[in-house]
């Protein structure tokens, strides 16, 4: 995850405005906006206070190879549903979206990503490139628990896989299927539309570059038990 995406999500997790963060570090709101848009970078002396403010290390703050789960953490005991959703978000942020390593193909010509953290396991298996289709599966104790099918394509010039992966990294518990409802960075904008709930849902996502649509994907799925 890029530095600017990371500090944007960390601020959201604290439910803080750009003005509030700006006041904390004695800078203008416009400065925070530039940091989060990737148009400027904090001074070296602000990196340690920034990392401490968000409760992470400077290394984690700066390491763009990381795509960690920066969702809000609480001490409450999670329900089985919440555990499943949390695992799904972690799995997504640890595989394709994090430039994770592909695993051995499970089917002829497929691209597979696998992640596990007992009692759950996650498999994302898809075909194609500019036009693609695939399926995500979550197992609990080796029993299929949740599934999502998706199909998409590039429809214009200017698509950025890195931008799509950044959007997928900032999905949340309410919409854990793909990315957030809206995500922007520079000239790129990501839109996600979804109906239903985790039990049974359908949605679509689009990416616009300089106002023109360059990518579209439809998906649907739900719980299996």
Protein backbone atom coordinates (compact mmCIF):
# COMPACT_ATOMS: atom_id res chain seq x y z
CA UNK A 1 0.00 0.00 0.00
CA UNK A 2 1.35 3.43 -0.90
CA UNK A 3 2.24 5.88 1.85
CA UNK A 4 -0.55 8.30 0.92
CA UNK A 5 -3.19 5.55 0.92
CA UNK A 6 -1.95 4.31 4.28
CA UNK A 7 -2.18 7.66 6.09
CA UNK A 8 -5.59 8.31 4.52
CA UNK A 9 -6.98 5.02 5.85
CA UNK A 10 -5.33 5.45 9.25
CA UNK A 11 -6.96 8.88 9.61
CA UNK A 12 -10.35 7.45 8.64
CA UNK A 13 -9.97 4.73 11.25
CA UNK A 14 -9.57 7.40 13.93
CA UNK A 15 -12.62 9.30 12.60
CA UNK A 16 -10.52 12.44 12.27
CA UNK A 17 -10.86 15.27 9.78
CA UNK A 18 -7.90 16.64 7.85
CA UNK A 19 -8.24 19.82 9.94
CA UNK A 20 -7.85 17.86 13.19
CA UNK A 21 -4.72 16.07 11.97
CA UNK A 22 -3.33 19.34 10.63
CA UNK A 23 -3.75 20.96 14.04
CA UNK A 24 -1.95 18.04 15.70
CA UNK A 25 1.13 18.56 13.50
CA UNK A 26 0.97 22.38 13.19
CA UNK A 27 0.45 22.35 9.43
CA UNK A 28 -2.39 23.47 7.17
CA UNK A 29 -5.30 21.30 6.10
CA UNK A 30 -4.03 21.70 2.52
CA UNK A 31 -0.75 20.10 3.59
CA UNK A 32 -2.54 17.01 4.93
CA UNK A 33 -4.59 16.86 1.71
CA UNK A 34 -1.38 16.95 -0.34
CA UNK A 35 0.16 14.17 1.78
CA UNK A 36 -2.93 11.99 1.25
CA UNK A 37 -3.02 12.75 -2.49
CA UNK A 38 0.64 11.84 -2.94
CA UNK A 39 1.49 15.40 -4.04
CA UNK A 40 3.80 16.12 -1.11
CA UNK A 41 5.68 14.17 1.55
CA UNK A 42 6.07 15.00 5.27
CA UNK A 43 9.36 16.40 6.50
CA UNK A 44 11.67 13.78 7.98
CA UNK A 45 11.22 15.15 11.50
CA UNK A 46 7.45 14.61 11.29
CA UNK A 47 7.60 10.91 10.37
CA UNK A 48 8.22 9.56 13.88
CA UNK A 49 5.46 11.69 15.50
CA UNK A 50 3.13 10.72 12.64
CA UNK A 51 3.82 7.01 13.14
CA UNK A 52 3.37 7.30 16.92
CA UNK A 53 0.13 9.24 16.43
CA UNK A 54 -1.30 6.35 14.39
CA UNK A 55 0.16 3.64 16.61
CA UNK A 56 2.47 1.99 14.08
CA UNK A 57 6.21 1.91 13.44
CA UNK A 58 7.99 4.24 11.02
CA UNK A 59 9.04 1.16 9.02
CA UNK A 60 5.41 0.09 8.62
CA UNK A 61 4.41 3.63 7.71
CA UNK A 62 7.02 3.85 4.95
CA UNK A 63 7.03 0.26 3.64
CA UNK A 64 4.86 0.37 0.51
CA UNK A 65 5.14 -3.39 0.07
CA UNK A 66 2.88 -3.78 3.12
CA UNK A 67 -0.87 -3.98 2.68
CA UNK A 68 -1.86 -4.52 6.29
CA UNK A 69 -5.31 -4.54 7.82
CA UNK A 70 -5.59 -1.04 9.30
CA UNK A 71 -9.24 -1.45 10.25
CA UNK A 72 -10.33 -0.30 13.69
CA UNK A 73 -9.33 -2.78 16.38
CA UNK A 74 -11.29 -3.23 19.61
CA UNK A 75 -10.99 -5.48 22.64
CA UNK A 76 -14.52 -6.85 22.23
CA UNK A 77 -15.07 -10.51 21.37
CA UNK A 78 -16.07 -10.86 17.74
CA UNK A 79 -19.10 -12.84 16.63
CA UNK A 80 -18.57 -15.71 14.12
CA UNK A 81 -19.82 -13.38 11.35
CA UNK A 82 -17.39 -10.62 12.39
CA UNK A 83 -14.53 -13.11 12.50
CA UNK A 84 -15.34 -14.24 8.95
CA UNK A 85 -15.53 -10.67 7.65
CA UNK A 86 -12.28 -9.68 9.39
CA UNK A 87 -10.51 -12.69 7.91
CA UNK A 88 -11.85 -11.93 4.42
CA UNK A 89 -10.54 -8.35 4.59
CA UNK A 90 -7.17 -9.54 5.87
CA UNK A 91 -6.95 -12.17 3.12
CA UNK A 92 -7.73 -9.64 0.40
CA UNK A 93 -5.11 -7.26 1.78
CA UNK A 94 -2.52 -10.05 1.86
CA UNK A 95 -2.87 -11.52 -1.65
CA UNK A 96 -3.55 -9.90 -5.05
CA UNK A 97 -3.98 -6.38 -3.64
CA UNK A 98 -0.63 -6.67 -1.84
CA UNK A 99 1.21 -7.96 -4.93
CA UNK A 100 1.30 -11.34 -3.21
CA UNK A 101 2.89 -14.38 -4.75
CA UNK A 102 0.74 -16.50 -7.05
CA UNK A 103 0.30 -20.11 -5.99
CA UNK A 104 0.27 -23.19 -8.18
CA UNK A 105 -2.71 -23.07 -10.55
CA UNK A 106 -5.65 -25.13 -9.31
CA UNK A 107 -7.17 -25.22 -12.80
CA UNK A 108 -5.67 -25.08 -16.28
CA UNK A 109 -4.72 -21.47 -17.02
CA UNK A 110 -5.87 -20.01 -13.70
CA UNK A 111 -4.11 -17.41 -11.53
CA UNK A 112 -4.43 -18.42 -7.88
CA UNK A 113 -3.84 -16.59 -4.61
CA UNK A 114 -4.12 -18.41 -1.31
CA UNK A 115 -4.09 -17.24 2.31
CA UNK A 116 -4.91 -18.98 5.56
CA UNK A 117 -5.23 -18.16 9.22
CA UNK A 118 -6.88 -20.93 11.21
CA UNK A 119 -9.68 -21.78 11.19
CA UNK A 120 -10.11 -19.92 7.87
CA UNK A 121 -8.57 -20.26 4.41
CA UNK A 122 -9.03 -18.07 1.34
CA UNK A 123 -8.65 -18.85 -2.37
CA UNK A 124 -8.90 -16.32 -5.20
CA UNK A 125 -8.75 -18.02 -8.60
CA UNK A 126 -9.24 -16.14 -11.87
CA UNK A 127 -8.65 -16.34 -15.62
CA UNK A 128 -7.65 -13.72 -18.17
CA UNK A 129 -6.07 -10.29 -17.90
CA UNK A 130 -7.63 -7.33 -19.75
CA UNK A 131 -10.86 -9.35 -19.73
CA UNK A 132 -11.12 -11.61 -16.70
CA UNK A 133 -13.41 -13.76 -14.57
CA UNK A 134 -12.88 -15.47 -11.27
CA UNK A 135 -14.11 -16.67 -7.92
CA UNK A 136 -13.16 -16.05 -4.29
CA UNK A 137 -13.83 -18.70 -1.65
CA UNK A 138 -13.50 -18.70 2.12
CA UNK A 139 -13.29 -22.02 3.97
CA UNK A 140 -13.83 -22.50 7.69
CA UNK A 141 -12.37 -25.74 9.04
CA UNK A 142 -12.10 -26.95 5.42
CA UNK A 143 -15.82 -26.32 4.77
CA UNK A 144 -16.80 -23.75 2.10
CA UNK A 145 -18.37 -20.83 3.98
CA UNK A 146 -18.52 -17.86 1.58
CA UNK A 147 -18.13 -17.34 -2.16
CA UNK A 148 -18.05 -14.50 -4.67
CA UNK A 149 -17.91 -14.66 -8.48
CA UNK A 150 -16.70 -11.72 -10.55
CA UNK A 151 -16.13 -10.73 -14.19
CA UNK A 152 -14.53 -7.55 -15.53
CA UNK A 153 -12.63 -5.86 -18.31
CA UNK A 154 -10.59 -2.82 -19.30
CA UNK A 155 -12.66 -0.39 -21.35
CA UNK A 156 -10.27 2.52 -21.91
CA UNK A 157 -6.69 3.74 -21.81
CA UNK A 158 -5.01 4.79 -18.60
CA UNK A 159 -5.97 1.90 -16.31
CA UNK A 160 -3.65 1.41 -13.32
CA UNK A 161 -3.51 -1.96 -11.58
CA UNK A 162 -1.71 -0.27 -8.69
CA UNK A 163 -4.65 2.10 -8.19
CA UNK A 164 -7.14 -0.80 -8.23
CA UNK A 165 -5.04 -2.68 -5.66
CA UNK A 166 -4.88 0.41 -3.44
CA UNK A 167 -8.69 0.67 -3.59
CA UNK A 168 -9.08 -2.99 -2.71
CA UNK A 169 -6.83 -2.45 0.31
CA UNK A 170 -9.23 0.06 1.87
CA UNK A 171 -12.40 -2.00 1.85
CA UNK A 172 -14.18 -2.05 5.20
CA UNK A 173 -16.39 -4.27 7.35
CA UNK A 174 -19.61 -2.85 5.92
CA UNK A 175 -18.57 -3.49 2.31
CA UNK A 176 -15.93 -6.25 2.43
CA UNK A 177 -16.63 -7.56 -1.09
CA UNK A 178 -14.28 -5.32 -3.10
CA UNK A 179 -13.17 -1.72 -2.34
CA UNK A 180 -14.93 1.20 -0.61
CA UNK A 181 -17.93 2.96 -2.15
CA UNK A 182 -15.67 5.82 -3.27
CA UNK A 183 -11.90 6.15 -3.47
CA UNK A 184 -9.83 8.78 -5.27
CA UNK A 185 -6.14 9.41 -5.84
CA UNK A 186 -4.95 12.05 -8.27
CA UNK A 187 -6.72 11.65 -11.61
CA UNK A 188 -8.14 8.23 -10.65
CA UNK A 189 -11.55 7.63 -9.10
CA UNK A 190 -13.01 4.30 -7.97
CA UNK A 191 -16.77 3.77 -7.59
CA UNK A 192 -18.39 0.72 -5.99
CA UNK A 193 -22.13 0.03 -6.07
CA UNK A 194 -23.61 -2.85 -4.07
CA UNK A 195 -27.03 -4.11 -2.98
CA UNK A 196 -27.86 -6.80 -0.43
CA UNK A 197 -25.72 -7.90 2.48
CA UNK A 198 -22.99 -10.39 3.27
CA UNK A 199 -25.50 -13.26 3.14
CA UNK A 200 -26.59 -12.44 -0.46
CA UNK A 201 -25.26 -9.50 -2.49
CA UNK A 202 -24.51 -8.15 -5.96
CA UNK A 203 -22.45 -5.19 -7.03
CA UNK A 204 -20.27 -3.49 -9.61
CA UNK A 205 -17.15 -1.36 -9.56
CA UNK A 206 -15.75 1.17 -12.01
CA UNK A 207 -12.52 3.12 -12.36
CA UNK A 208 -12.33 6.50 -14.07
CA UNK A 209 -9.13 8.16 -15.26
CA UNK A 210 -9.34 11.90 -15.98
CA UNK A 211 -13.12 11.56 -16.13
CA UNK A 212 -13.21 8.64 -18.58
CA UNK A 213 -14.15 5.10 -17.57
CA UNK A 214 -11.23 2.71 -18.04
CA UNK A 215 -12.34 -0.37 -16.05
CA UNK A 216 -15.53 -2.16 -15.01
CA UNK A 217 -16.27 -5.28 -12.98
CA UNK A 218 -19.46 -6.97 -11.76
CA UNK A 219 -19.65 -9.37 -8.84
CA UNK A 220 -22.15 -11.34 -6.77
CA UNK A 221 -22.09 -13.92 -4.01
CA UNK A 222 -22.99 -14.76 -0.45
CA UNK A 223 -22.69 -17.20 2.42
CA UNK A 224 -22.83 -20.91 1.63
CA UNK A 225 -24.04 -22.19 5.02
